[in-house]
């Protein structure tokens, strides 16, 4: 009888040890999942900061382009008054158009990056809900993870705002390009007439 009690006690102790190990493994797995999520959040926040920096740089670039456009328009006015040369005016308009095309392409890339970042945040939010469900952590309960720097709702709102801003800038740039095309058509007719009056061929003008 005593031997049976000893065996029963040993079996109970072994069961307790096995249960404790299983709990530790489960906790370690959940901790690893949260740490991976924290790292992904940190990387996403850094990507968002880089996108904002690119937007600021693009704003400055567009401001410089506007200044260049103003300068070209002033030179065109001078040309119409006979102060500026025909070839120089054509070259500067062509150069400005190329720079505006490059700026539009860059804006489209930034819009695409912002959309991808937003998709990542929404996917991360879904994964976060799954992890909370596995760990039996309610949605309203805060999780103490030191690496978690960004809240999903705030990140989604910021990214949507950024996307809207970029789309507005693309629209404004397209409007500016439309105005430039109108000006280019006018300049082509005017310069062609002036070149003909001067006895120049198209090859001579574009040389």
Foldseek 3Di string as FASTA:
>chain_A
DVVVVVVVVVVVVVVVVVVVVVVVVLVVVLVVVVVVLLVVLVVLVVLVVVLVVVVVVLVVVVVVLVVLVVVLVVLVVCVVVVNHDLLVSVVSLVVSLVSLVVSLVVLVVSLVSLVVSLVVLVVSVVVVVVSCVSVVNDPPDDDDDPSRDDDSVVSNVVSVVVNVVSVVVSVVSVVVSVVSVVVVVVSVVVSVVVCVVVVHDPVRSND
